[in-house]
N, C-alpha and C. Protein backbone atom coordinates (compact mmCIF):
# COMPACT_ATOMS: atom_id res chain seq x y z
N MET A 1 -23.79 127.37 6.96
CA MET A 1 -24.54 126.78 5.89
C MET A 1 -25.65 127.75 5.49
N ARG A 2 -25.78 128.02 4.23
CA ARG A 2 -26.84 128.91 3.75
C ARG A 2 -28.14 128.15 3.67
N VAL A 3 -29.21 128.75 4.17
CA VAL A 3 -30.51 128.12 4.14
C VAL A 3 -31.30 128.58 2.93
N ASN A 4 -31.48 129.86 2.78
CA ASN A 4 -32.33 130.36 1.72
C ASN A 4 -32.17 131.86 1.59
N SER A 5 -32.72 132.40 0.54
CA SER A 5 -32.80 133.84 0.39
C SER A 5 -34.22 134.19 -0.03
N TRP A 6 -34.64 135.39 0.26
CA TRP A 6 -36.00 135.82 -0.09
C TRP A 6 -36.03 137.33 -0.18
N LEU A 7 -37.11 137.85 -0.72
CA LEU A 7 -37.29 139.29 -0.86
C LEU A 7 -38.26 139.80 0.18
N THR A 8 -38.11 141.06 0.55
CA THR A 8 -39.08 141.67 1.45
C THR A 8 -40.36 141.94 0.67
N HIS A 9 -41.45 142.09 1.38
CA HIS A 9 -42.74 142.35 0.76
C HIS A 9 -42.83 143.80 0.30
N LYS A 10 -43.35 143.98 -0.88
CA LYS A 10 -43.48 145.32 -1.46
C LYS A 10 -44.36 146.18 -0.56
N SER A 11 -43.99 147.36 -0.34
CA SER A 11 -44.66 148.43 0.42
C SER A 11 -44.49 148.33 1.93
N THR A 12 -44.42 147.12 2.51
CA THR A 12 -44.27 147.04 3.97
C THR A 12 -42.82 146.79 4.38
N GLY A 13 -42.04 146.14 3.52
CA GLY A 13 -40.67 145.78 3.88
C GLY A 13 -40.61 144.58 4.81
N ALA A 14 -41.76 144.02 5.17
CA ALA A 14 -41.81 142.85 6.06
C ALA A 14 -41.37 141.60 5.29
N TRP A 15 -40.95 140.60 6.02
CA TRP A 15 -40.64 139.30 5.44
C TRP A 15 -40.97 138.24 6.48
N CYS A 16 -41.24 137.05 6.02
CA CYS A 16 -41.55 135.97 6.96
C CYS A 16 -40.90 134.69 6.47
N TYR A 17 -40.35 133.96 7.39
CA TYR A 17 -39.68 132.71 7.06
C TYR A 17 -39.65 131.84 8.31
N GLY A 18 -39.95 130.58 8.16
CA GLY A 18 -39.92 129.65 9.28
C GLY A 18 -38.57 128.98 9.39
N VAL A 19 -37.93 129.07 10.54
CA VAL A 19 -36.67 128.38 10.79
C VAL A 19 -37.03 127.08 11.48
N SER A 20 -37.37 126.09 10.67
CA SER A 20 -37.80 124.80 11.18
C SER A 20 -37.41 123.72 10.18
N PRO A 21 -37.36 122.45 10.62
CA PRO A 21 -36.99 121.38 9.70
C PRO A 21 -37.95 121.33 8.51
N HIS A 22 -37.39 121.08 7.32
CA HIS A 22 -38.18 121.00 6.09
C HIS A 22 -37.96 119.64 5.42
N GLY A 23 -38.11 118.57 6.15
CA GLY A 23 -37.91 117.23 5.57
C GLY A 23 -36.77 116.49 6.26
N ALA A 24 -36.68 115.21 6.00
CA ALA A 24 -35.73 114.34 6.70
C ALA A 24 -34.27 114.69 6.40
N ASP A 25 -33.98 115.18 5.20
CA ASP A 25 -32.59 115.44 4.82
C ASP A 25 -32.18 116.89 5.01
N ASN A 26 -33.03 117.71 5.61
CA ASN A 26 -32.74 119.13 5.76
C ASN A 26 -32.54 119.46 7.22
N LEU A 27 -31.38 120.03 7.56
CA LEU A 27 -31.07 120.34 8.95
C LEU A 27 -31.53 121.73 9.38
N THR A 28 -32.28 122.42 8.53
CA THR A 28 -32.77 123.74 8.89
C THR A 28 -33.52 123.66 10.21
N GLY A 29 -33.24 124.56 11.12
CA GLY A 29 -33.90 124.56 12.42
C GLY A 29 -33.14 123.80 13.48
N ALA A 30 -31.98 123.24 13.13
CA ALA A 30 -31.21 122.46 14.10
C ALA A 30 -29.99 123.22 14.61
N GLY A 31 -29.86 124.51 14.27
CA GLY A 31 -28.69 125.29 14.67
C GLY A 31 -28.77 125.82 16.10
N GLN A 32 -27.64 126.31 16.59
CA GLN A 32 -27.59 126.94 17.90
C GLN A 32 -27.73 128.46 17.80
N GLN A 33 -27.44 128.98 16.61
CA GLN A 33 -27.63 130.40 16.35
C GLN A 33 -27.83 130.60 14.85
N TYR A 34 -28.40 131.75 14.51
CA TYR A 34 -28.71 132.05 13.12
C TYR A 34 -28.24 133.46 12.79
N ARG A 35 -27.64 133.61 11.60
CA ARG A 35 -27.19 134.93 11.16
C ARG A 35 -28.10 135.37 10.01
N LEU A 36 -28.65 136.56 10.14
CA LEU A 36 -29.50 137.14 9.11
C LEU A 36 -28.77 138.34 8.54
N THR A 37 -28.72 138.43 7.23
CA THR A 37 -28.10 139.57 6.56
C THR A 37 -29.08 140.10 5.54
N ILE A 38 -29.38 141.37 5.62
CA ILE A 38 -30.31 142.01 4.71
C ILE A 38 -29.55 143.06 3.91
N MET A 39 -29.62 142.95 2.60
CA MET A 39 -28.95 143.91 1.73
C MET A 39 -29.84 145.14 1.58
N GLY A 40 -29.26 146.31 1.80
CA GLY A 40 -29.99 147.55 1.64
C GLY A 40 -30.10 147.93 0.17
N PRO A 41 -31.09 148.73 -0.18
CA PRO A 41 -31.24 149.16 -1.57
C PRO A 41 -30.16 150.17 -1.97
N GLY A 42 -29.78 150.15 -3.24
CA GLY A 42 -28.81 151.13 -3.74
C GLY A 42 -27.50 151.06 -2.98
N VAL A 43 -27.06 152.20 -2.48
CA VAL A 43 -25.77 152.27 -1.78
C VAL A 43 -25.92 152.20 -0.26
N THR A 44 -27.12 151.90 0.24
CA THR A 44 -27.29 151.78 1.69
C THR A 44 -26.55 150.53 2.18
N PRO A 45 -26.11 150.52 3.42
CA PRO A 45 -25.32 149.38 3.91
C PRO A 45 -26.18 148.14 4.14
N ASP A 46 -25.52 146.99 4.12
CA ASP A 46 -26.17 145.74 4.51
C ASP A 46 -26.32 145.75 6.03
N VAL A 47 -27.35 145.09 6.52
CA VAL A 47 -27.60 144.98 7.95
C VAL A 47 -27.49 143.50 8.30
N SER A 48 -26.75 143.19 9.36
CA SER A 48 -26.57 141.79 9.74
C SER A 48 -26.73 141.65 11.26
N VAL A 49 -27.33 140.56 11.66
CA VAL A 49 -27.51 140.27 13.08
C VAL A 49 -27.41 138.76 13.28
N THR A 50 -26.86 138.35 14.42
CA THR A 50 -26.81 136.94 14.79
C THR A 50 -27.69 136.76 16.02
N VAL A 51 -28.60 135.80 15.95
CA VAL A 51 -29.53 135.57 17.05
C VAL A 51 -29.41 134.13 17.53
N ALA A 52 -29.68 133.92 18.79
CA ALA A 52 -29.65 132.58 19.36
C ALA A 52 -30.85 131.77 18.89
N SER A 53 -30.70 130.47 18.88
CA SER A 53 -31.81 129.59 18.54
C SER A 53 -32.94 129.80 19.55
N PRO A 54 -34.19 129.76 19.11
CA PRO A 54 -35.29 129.91 20.06
C PRO A 54 -35.45 128.69 20.97
N GLY A 55 -34.74 127.61 20.67
CA GLY A 55 -34.82 126.42 21.53
C GLY A 55 -36.01 125.55 21.18
N VAL A 56 -36.38 124.69 22.12
CA VAL A 56 -37.49 123.77 21.88
C VAL A 56 -38.80 124.54 21.78
N TYR A 57 -39.79 123.94 21.14
CA TYR A 57 -41.08 124.59 20.93
C TYR A 57 -41.71 124.99 22.26
N ASN A 58 -42.23 126.22 22.27
CA ASN A 58 -42.89 126.77 23.45
C ASN A 58 -44.20 127.39 22.97
N ALA A 59 -45.33 126.78 23.33
CA ALA A 59 -46.63 127.23 22.84
C ALA A 59 -46.94 128.67 23.23
N ALA A 60 -46.58 129.08 24.44
CA ALA A 60 -46.86 130.45 24.89
C ALA A 60 -46.03 131.45 24.08
N LEU A 61 -44.76 131.14 23.85
CA LEU A 61 -43.91 132.01 23.04
C LEU A 61 -44.42 132.07 21.61
N ASP A 62 -44.85 130.94 21.07
CA ASP A 62 -45.38 130.90 19.71
C ASP A 62 -46.61 131.79 19.59
N ALA A 63 -47.49 131.76 20.57
CA ALA A 63 -48.69 132.61 20.55
C ALA A 63 -48.32 134.09 20.56
N THR A 64 -47.33 134.44 21.37
CA THR A 64 -46.86 135.83 21.43
C THR A 64 -46.29 136.26 20.08
N GLN A 65 -45.48 135.40 19.47
CA GLN A 65 -44.89 135.74 18.18
C GLN A 65 -45.96 135.83 17.09
N ASN A 66 -46.98 134.99 17.16
CA ASN A 66 -48.09 135.07 16.19
C ASN A 66 -48.80 136.42 16.29
N GLN A 67 -48.95 136.95 17.50
CA GLN A 67 -49.56 138.27 17.68
C GLN A 67 -48.69 139.35 17.04
N LYS A 68 -47.39 139.22 17.16
CA LYS A 68 -46.48 140.20 16.55
C LYS A 68 -46.58 140.15 15.03
N ILE A 69 -46.69 138.94 14.47
CA ILE A 69 -46.85 138.81 13.02
C ILE A 69 -48.15 139.47 12.57
N ALA A 70 -49.23 139.21 13.29
CA ALA A 70 -50.53 139.80 12.93
C ALA A 70 -50.47 141.33 13.02
N ALA A 71 -49.70 141.87 13.95
CA ALA A 71 -49.59 143.33 14.13
C ALA A 71 -48.90 144.01 12.96
N LEU A 72 -48.20 143.25 12.12
CA LEU A 72 -47.55 143.83 10.95
C LEU A 72 -48.57 144.23 9.89
N HIS A 73 -49.77 143.67 9.95
CA HIS A 73 -50.84 143.93 8.98
C HIS A 73 -50.36 143.71 7.55
N ASP A 74 -49.57 142.66 7.37
CA ASP A 74 -49.07 142.25 6.05
C ASP A 74 -49.75 140.92 5.72
N ASN A 75 -50.66 140.94 4.75
CA ASN A 75 -51.43 139.72 4.47
C ASN A 75 -50.60 138.59 3.87
N LEU A 76 -49.32 138.83 3.57
CA LEU A 76 -48.46 137.77 3.08
C LEU A 76 -47.81 136.99 4.21
N CYS A 77 -47.78 137.55 5.43
CA CYS A 77 -47.23 136.86 6.59
C CYS A 77 -48.39 136.28 7.39
N LYS A 78 -48.44 134.98 7.45
CA LYS A 78 -49.53 134.32 8.18
C LYS A 78 -48.99 133.65 9.43
N PRO A 79 -49.59 133.95 10.60
CA PRO A 79 -49.20 133.20 11.80
C PRO A 79 -49.45 131.72 11.60
N ASN A 80 -48.60 130.89 12.19
CA ASN A 80 -48.79 129.45 12.01
C ASN A 80 -49.91 128.92 12.87
C-alpha cells in the first residue's frame, strides 16, 4: 500500500516523515516492514531499501533518533 510521496529538502537532500497512524481510518504505522524508494536525479538509478518496523514506542530509542535528526542541521526536520 502506498503511503505518500515527498521531495528532499533543497541543498541538504534530507527528508523527514513520520511513519505513524494519521487518524482512525489510516493504517499508516501498522506495518511489519516498510519499503522506501528514492528516485535519483537525471539518469542516476533509483535507490530502494526495505526496513523492519521499529515496533512499539521506545522513549530511549526516540531520544536517540531525535539527536540524529538534530545532527542533520536541516531546519525543516524537527525532532518530535
